Amino acid sequence: MSTALARDAAAAQRAALLADALAGLSAAPKTLPCKWLYDSEGARLFEAITRLPEYYPTRTEMRILAESGAAMARAIGPGAAVVEFGPGDGVKGVQLLRALDRPAAYLPVDIAPEWLEAAAARVAAAFPGLPVRPVVADFTEAFALAGRAEGSATHLGFFPGSTIGNFTPGEAVAFLARARRSLGTGAKLLLGADLVKGRAVLEAAYDDAAGITAAFNLNLLARLNREAGADFALDGFRHRAVWNAARERVEMHLVSQRAQSVRLGGRVFRFAAGETIHTENSHKYRPERLRELAAAGGWREEAMWTDAEGLFSVWLLAA
């Protein structure tokens, strides 16, 4: 990507960040979209989270991909073009591509060009002959692949990490429907989904003893200070993660430690002591619930794989 295009993309991101923050902090209760957790520092902290003993999803999903990769490849068939939504560092994409039979191309999709380039470089280094074509797009909105995977037998969407759990049920259905349209007729989707389990395991995974998840959450306020001109006092907020049993989701919040005011975008936002900013949901699923959401988004189950402990699941869906 050229320097001018990179500058334009960064400016557009800052404008979108400010608009989302103004809207979220004006709401009651206050919210901030979780997609803004992932700037360069947020991504670094999240990678550290994935290595923590309490955080089981990443290592469990990687184990499922390793142990069941051959079965997945048989079910998917040869010649698939892998379209990965939010590729992160590309490690899971590499794991999947190693298992597949003669993949036709790899198309990582993300709103952040710098992360796309890193994931694309990792995959290109691992598979020198594979066409790697990054797609700069917000995958939470409709986007077109525009012939980037010509010659493939099918488009295989890949959405690992239970990122779908960050959406409300309605948003999840909308995402699945948009993904179906973007991937096209005959597409398949390999979807990672975290499963419902005990409160203690879930809350520890999102509030680790080392405080890495707390730093990850608080970095969102630091990002608003850096990129949007806010004046959050970082010591005025603390991280809280709680299991909401009624909605079967872990919620992350930033809790105001005192009555305080914050300036952002020419406006003043007041916080009462104990008031929170809701920054992320991570829905956990029962298999029957995920089947309902998939069907509502235009997909049907072809296969499902899980680990021996039943912590996590990977689903193969067909359009």
Protein backbone atom coordinates (compact mmCIF):
# COMPACT_ATOMS: atom_id res chain seq x y z
CA MET A 1 0.00 0.00 0.00
CA SER A 2 1.34 3.44 -0.95
CA THR A 3 2.23 6.00 1.72
CA ALA A 4 -0.60 8.28 0.59
CA LEU A 5 -3.17 5.48 0.73
CA ALA A 6 -1.90 4.44 4.17
CA ARG A 7 -2.28 8.04 5.40
CA ASP A 8 -5.80 8.23 4.01
CA ALA A 9 -6.74 4.92 5.64
CA ALA A 10 -5.30 6.06 9.00
CA ALA A 11 -7.21 9.36 8.81
CA ALA A 12 -10.43 7.52 7.98
CA GLN A 13 -9.87 5.19 10.93
CA ARG A 14 -9.32 8.11 13.33
CA ALA A 15 -12.52 9.78 12.11
CA ALA A 16 -14.49 6.56 12.53
CA LEU A 17 -13.00 6.02 16.00
CA LEU A 18 -14.04 9.51 17.09
CA ALA A 19 -17.55 9.13 15.66
CA ASP A 20 -18.06 5.75 17.37
CA ALA A 21 -16.71 7.07 20.67
CA LEU A 22 -18.95 10.13 20.64
CA ALA A 23 -21.99 7.97 19.89
CA GLY A 24 -21.11 5.34 22.48
CA LEU A 25 -20.28 7.73 25.30
CA SER A 26 -23.53 9.63 24.61
CA ALA A 27 -25.56 6.44 25.12
CA ALA A 28 -27.01 5.17 28.36
CA PRO A 29 -25.33 3.00 29.49
CA LYS A 30 -22.06 4.16 27.95
CA THR A 31 -20.38 1.84 25.44
CA LEU A 32 -17.36 1.69 23.14
CA PRO A 33 -17.17 -0.76 20.19
CA CYS A 34 -14.78 -3.62 20.84
CA LYS A 35 -13.24 -3.41 17.35
CA TRP A 36 -11.29 -0.33 18.55
CA LEU A 37 -9.46 -2.41 21.16
CA TYR A 38 -7.06 -3.56 18.43
CA ASP A 39 -4.54 -0.85 17.66
CA SER A 40 -0.88 -1.89 17.55
CA GLU A 41 -0.59 -1.93 21.35
CA GLY A 42 -3.95 -3.66 21.72
CA ALA A 43 -2.90 -6.33 19.25
CA ARG A 44 0.36 -6.86 21.13
CA LEU A 45 -1.49 -7.22 24.42
CA PHE A 46 -4.04 -9.59 22.90
CA GLU A 47 -1.26 -11.82 21.61
CA ALA A 48 0.07 -11.91 25.18
CA ILE A 49 -3.42 -12.82 26.42
CA THR A 50 -3.57 -15.82 24.09
CA ARG A 51 -0.51 -17.27 25.84
CA LEU A 52 -1.90 -16.92 29.38
CA PRO A 53 -2.78 -20.09 31.31
CA GLU A 54 -6.29 -18.81 32.01
CA TYR A 55 -7.08 -18.04 28.35
CA TYR A 56 -8.06 -21.38 26.82
CA PRO A 57 -9.80 -20.37 23.50
CA THR A 58 -6.77 -19.83 21.25
CA ARG A 59 -4.79 -22.91 22.20
CA THR A 60 -7.92 -25.08 22.23
CA GLU A 61 -9.00 -23.94 18.76
CA MET A 62 -5.47 -24.45 17.41
CA ARG A 63 -5.50 -27.97 18.84
CA ILE A 64 -8.84 -28.71 17.15
CA LEU A 65 -7.49 -27.41 13.82
CA ALA A 66 -4.40 -29.61 14.20
CA GLU A 67 -6.19 -32.77 15.33
CA SER A 68 -9.17 -32.51 12.95
CA GLY A 69 -7.51 -30.76 10.01
CA ALA A 70 -7.58 -33.85 7.79
CA ALA A 71 -11.30 -34.37 8.42
CA MET A 72 -11.93 -30.70 7.71
CA ALA A 73 -10.00 -30.91 4.43
CA ARG A 74 -12.05 -33.91 3.29
CA ALA A 75 -15.30 -32.12 4.13
CA ILE A 76 -14.24 -28.89 2.40
CA GLY A 77 -12.76 -30.47 -0.72
CA PRO A 78 -9.86 -29.39 -2.95
CA GLY A 79 -9.21 -26.02 -4.50
CA ALA A 80 -10.84 -23.72 -1.95
CA ALA A 81 -9.99 -20.02 -1.73
CA VAL A 82 -9.75 -19.15 1.96
CA VAL A 83 -11.33 -15.81 2.90
CA GLU A 84 -10.32 -15.09 6.49
CA PHE A 85 -12.31 -12.46 8.38
CA GLY A 86 -9.99 -10.61 10.78
CA PRO A 87 -6.81 -12.66 10.29
CA GLY A 88 -4.84 -11.27 13.23
CA ASP A 89 -1.25 -12.41 12.85
CA GLY A 90 -2.12 -15.08 10.27
CA VAL A 91 -1.13 -18.04 12.44
CA LYS A 92 -4.55 -19.74 12.27
CA GLY A 93 -4.70 -19.14 8.53
CA VAL A 94 -1.37 -20.92 8.12
CA GLN A 95 -2.62 -23.81 10.28
CA LEU A 96 -5.74 -24.22 8.14
CA LEU A 97 -3.97 -23.86 4.81
CA ARG A 98 -1.51 -26.59 5.79
CA ALA A 99 -4.41 -28.99 6.22
CA LEU A 100 -6.34 -28.14 3.05
CA ASP A 101 -6.05 -29.93 -0.28
CA ARG A 102 -4.51 -27.60 -2.91
CA PRO A 103 -5.96 -24.30 -1.69
CA ALA A 104 -6.41 -21.82 -4.55
CA ALA A 105 -5.78 -18.52 -2.75
CA TYR A 106 -5.73 -16.75 0.60
CA LEU A 107 -7.75 -13.55 1.01
CA PRO A 108 -7.42 -11.94 4.46
CA VAL A 109 -10.07 -9.29 5.13
CA ASP A 110 -9.61 -6.51 7.69
CA ILE A 111 -10.17 -2.80 8.14
CA ALA A 112 -6.58 -2.21 9.33
CA PRO A 113 -4.09 -2.30 6.41
CA GLU A 114 -1.06 -2.78 8.65
CA TRP A 115 -2.47 -5.98 10.17
CA LEU A 116 -3.48 -7.27 6.76
CA GLU A 117 0.04 -6.81 5.50
CA ALA A 118 1.52 -8.71 8.46
CA ALA A 119 -0.90 -11.64 8.06
CA ALA A 120 -0.41 -11.72 4.29
CA ALA A 121 3.37 -11.71 4.69
CA ARG A 122 3.24 -14.64 7.14
CA VAL A 123 1.06 -16.72 4.82
CA ALA A 124 3.07 -15.81 1.72
CA ALA A 125 6.27 -16.87 3.46
CA ALA A 126 4.74 -20.21 4.47
CA PHE A 127 3.22 -20.88 1.01
CA PRO A 128 5.43 -19.24 -1.65
CA GLY A 129 3.31 -20.35 -4.61
CA LEU A 130 -0.08 -19.45 -3.15
CA PRO A 131 -1.83 -16.28 -4.41
CA VAL A 132 -2.27 -13.99 -1.38
CA ARG A 133 -4.64 -11.07 -1.99
CA PRO A 134 -5.47 -8.87 1.03
CA VAL A 135 -8.88 -7.17 1.06
CA VAL A 136 -9.09 -3.86 2.97
CA ALA A 137 -12.69 -3.82 4.21
CA ASP A 138 -14.75 -3.70 7.38
CA PHE A 139 -16.04 -7.27 7.48
CA THR A 140 -18.87 -6.18 9.79
CA GLU A 141 -20.28 -4.43 6.71
CA ALA A 142 -21.02 -5.73 3.20
CA PHE A 143 -18.00 -5.97 0.90
CA ALA A 144 -17.21 -7.47 -2.52
CA LEU A 145 -14.48 -9.96 -3.32
CA ALA A 146 -14.51 -8.63 -6.89
CA GLY A 147 -13.02 -11.68 -8.61
CA ARG A 148 -9.99 -11.91 -6.32
CA ALA A 149 -10.28 -15.70 -6.07
CA GLU A 150 -10.81 -16.65 -9.69
CA GLY A 151 -10.06 -20.30 -10.44
CA SER A 152 -11.11 -21.59 -7.03
CA ALA A 153 -13.57 -24.43 -6.58
CA THR A 154 -15.30 -22.62 -3.74
CA HIS A 155 -14.96 -19.70 -1.38
CA LEU A 156 -14.26 -20.92 2.15
CA GLY A 157 -14.92 -18.26 4.75
CA PHE A 158 -12.78 -18.64 7.87
CA PHE A 159 -13.88 -16.85 11.04
CA PRO A 160 -11.92 -18.29 13.97
CA GLY A 161 -11.43 -17.22 17.57
CA SER A 162 -15.13 -17.04 18.45
CA THR A 163 -15.06 -13.44 17.25
CA ILE A 164 -18.70 -14.00 16.33
CA GLY A 165 -19.30 -13.94 20.09
CA ASN A 166 -18.52 -10.20 20.12
CA PHE A 167 -21.77 -9.61 18.22
CA THR A 168 -25.24 -9.52 19.73
CA PRO A 169 -27.42 -12.37 18.41
CA GLY A 170 -29.03 -10.00 15.90
CA GLU A 171 -25.64 -8.71 14.79
CA ALA A 172 -24.35 -12.29 14.47
CA VAL A 173 -27.22 -13.22 12.15
CA ALA A 174 -26.63 -10.05 10.10
CA PHE A 175 -22.91 -10.86 9.83
CA LEU A 176 -23.63 -14.43 8.73
CA ALA A 177 -26.08 -13.20 6.10
CA ARG A 178 -23.59 -10.62 4.77
CA ALA A 179 -20.79 -13.20 4.73
CA ARG A 180 -23.01 -15.52 2.70
CA ARG A 181 -23.62 -12.79 0.15
CA SER A 182 -19.93 -11.78 0.02
CA LEU A 183 -18.70 -15.37 -0.34
CA GLY A 184 -21.27 -16.23 -2.99
CA THR A 185 -23.14 -19.28 -4.22
CA GLY A 186 -21.80 -22.63 -3.05
CA ALA A 187 -19.67 -21.08 -0.31
CA LYS A 188 -18.70 -22.73 2.95
CA LEU A 189 -17.78 -21.16 6.29
CA LEU A 190 -15.43 -22.55 8.92
CA LEU A 191 -16.49 -20.87 12.16
CA GLY A 192 -14.90 -20.99 15.61
CA ALA A 193 -17.35 -20.69 18.52
CA ASP A 194 -16.71 -20.80 22.25
CA LEU A 195 -19.03 -23.00 24.31
CA VAL A 196 -20.96 -22.32 27.51
CA LYS A 197 -19.11 -23.48 30.63
CA GLY A 198 -18.66 -22.63 34.31
CA ARG A 199 -18.48 -19.03 35.55
CA ALA A 200 -15.08 -19.43 37.23
CA VAL A 201 -13.35 -20.62 34.05
CA LEU A 202 -14.95 -17.90 31.94
CA GLU A 203 -14.29 -14.98 34.28
CA ALA A 204 -10.67 -16.04 34.82
CA ALA A 205 -10.14 -16.14 31.05
CA TYR A 206 -11.16 -12.47 30.80
CA ASP A 207 -9.62 -11.20 34.04
CA ASP A 208 -6.24 -12.92 34.36
CA ALA A 209 -4.07 -12.82 37.45
CA ALA A 210 -1.24 -11.03 35.61
CA GLY A 211 -3.49 -8.11 34.65
CA ILE A 212 -2.84 -8.38 30.90
CA THR A 213 -6.54 -8.28 30.00
CA ALA A 214 -6.97 -5.24 32.23
CA ALA A 215 -4.16 -3.47 30.37
CA PHE A 216 -5.74 -4.51 27.05
CA ASN A 217 -9.09 -3.00 28.05
CA LEU A 218 -7.59 0.21 29.47
CA ASN A 219 -5.53 0.66 26.30
CA LEU A 220 -8.77 1.59 24.56
CA LEU A 221 -8.86 4.79 26.64
CA ALA A 222 -5.19 5.41 25.92
CA ARG A 223 -5.96 5.01 22.21
CA LEU A 224 -8.72 7.62 22.45
CA ASN A 225 -6.23 9.96 24.13
CA ARG A 226 -3.62 9.35 21.41
CA GLU A 227 -5.79 9.32 18.32
CA ALA A 228 -8.90 11.30 19.19
CA GLY A 229 -7.59 13.96 21.57
CA ALA A 230 -9.46 12.69 24.63
CA ASP A 231 -8.18 13.33 28.17
CA PHE A 232 -9.07 10.12 30.00
CA ALA A 233 -7.17 9.68 33.27
CA LEU A 234 -6.21 6.01 33.01
CA ASP A 235 -5.88 5.65 36.77
CA GLY A 236 -9.50 6.77 37.05
CA PHE A 237 -10.83 3.52 35.54
CA ARG A 238 -10.42 -0.18 36.27
CA HIS A 239 -11.17 -3.31 34.30
CA ARG A 240 -14.06 -5.60 35.20
CA ALA A 241 -15.13 -8.86 33.54
CA VAL A 242 -18.37 -10.58 34.59
CA TRP A 243 -20.35 -13.59 33.37
CA ASN A 244 -23.91 -12.61 32.48
CA ALA A 245 -25.69 -15.94 32.89
CA ALA A 246 -29.03 -14.71 31.55
CA ARG A 247 -27.45 -13.66 28.24
CA GLU A 248 -24.72 -16.34 28.29
CA ARG A 249 -21.91 -13.89 27.66
CA VAL A 250 -18.82 -12.49 29.37
CA GLU A 251 -19.00 -8.70 29.55
CA MET A 252 -15.97 -6.43 29.80
CA HIS A 253 -16.39 -3.02 31.38
CA LEU A 254 -14.25 -0.08 32.39
CA VAL A 255 -15.42 1.16 35.79
CA SER A 256 -15.05 4.80 36.79
CA GLN A 257 -13.26 4.96 40.14
CA ARG A 258 -14.63 8.37 41.03
CA ALA A 259 -16.88 11.14 39.80
CA GLN A 260 -15.01 12.69 36.88
CA SER A 261 -15.32 14.43 33.52
CA VAL A 262 -13.66 13.57 30.20
CA ARG A 263 -13.28 15.82 27.16
CA LEU A 264 -13.56 14.37 23.67
CA GLY A 265 -14.37 15.94 20.33
CA GLY A 266 -15.29 19.29 21.83
CA ARG A 267 -17.73 17.73 24.28
CA VAL A 268 -17.61 16.89 28.00
CA PHE A 269 -18.72 13.49 29.27
CA ARG A 270 -19.42 13.10 32.98
CA PHE A 271 -19.00 9.83 34.90
CA ALA A 272 -20.42 8.97 38.29
CA ALA A 273 -18.33 6.85 40.66
CA GLY A 274 -18.97 3.22 39.74
CA GLU A 275 -20.41 4.04 36.30
CA THR A 276 -19.10 1.79 33.54
CA ILE A 277 -18.21 1.85 29.87
CA HIS A 278 -19.25 -1.46 28.33
CA THR A 279 -16.42 -2.34 25.95
CA GLU A 280 -16.94 -5.95 24.86
CA ASN A 281 -19.30 -8.90 24.89
CA SER A 282 -18.09 -12.43 24.37
CA HIS A 283 -21.12 -14.67 23.85
CA LYS A 284 -20.75 -18.37 24.57
CA TYR A 285 -22.88 -20.87 22.73
CA ARG A 286 -24.83 -24.03 23.19
CA PRO A 287 -24.75 -26.07 19.94
CA GLU A 288 -28.50 -25.78 19.41
CA ARG A 289 -28.29 -21.99 19.71
CA LEU A 290 -25.48 -21.72 17.17
CA ARG A 291 -27.46 -23.87 14.73
CA GLU A 292 -30.39 -21.45 15.07
CA LEU A 293 -28.20 -18.42 14.38
CA ALA A 294 -26.54 -20.11 11.41
CA ALA A 295 -29.88 -21.05 9.89
CA ALA A 296 -31.21 -17.52 10.35
CA GLY A 297 -28.13 -16.22 8.48
CA GLY A 298 -28.64 -18.61 5.57
CA TRP A 299 -26.26 -21.45 6.54
CA ARG A 300 -26.68 -25.11 7.44
CA GLU A 301 -24.37 -27.31 9.50
CA GLU A 302 -22.20 -29.83 7.67
CA ALA A 303 -19.89 -30.82 10.52
CA MET A 304 -18.75 -29.76 13.98
CA TRP A 305 -15.54 -30.55 15.82
CA THR A 306 -14.69 -29.96 19.48
CA ASP A 307 -11.98 -30.80 22.00
CA ALA A 308 -12.17 -33.66 24.50
CA GLU A 309 -13.15 -31.30 27.33
CA GLY A 310 -15.91 -29.60 25.35
CA LEU A 311 -14.44 -26.13 25.77
CA PHE A 312 -14.55 -24.89 22.18
CA SER A 313 -16.04 -25.82 18.80
CA VAL A 314 -15.26 -25.40 15.12
CA TRP A 315 -18.18 -25.61 12.69
CA LEU A 316 -18.32 -26.20 8.94
CA LEU A 317 -21.36 -24.46 7.51
CA ALA A 318 -22.66 -24.54 3.94
CA ALA A 319 -24.57 -21.70 2.26
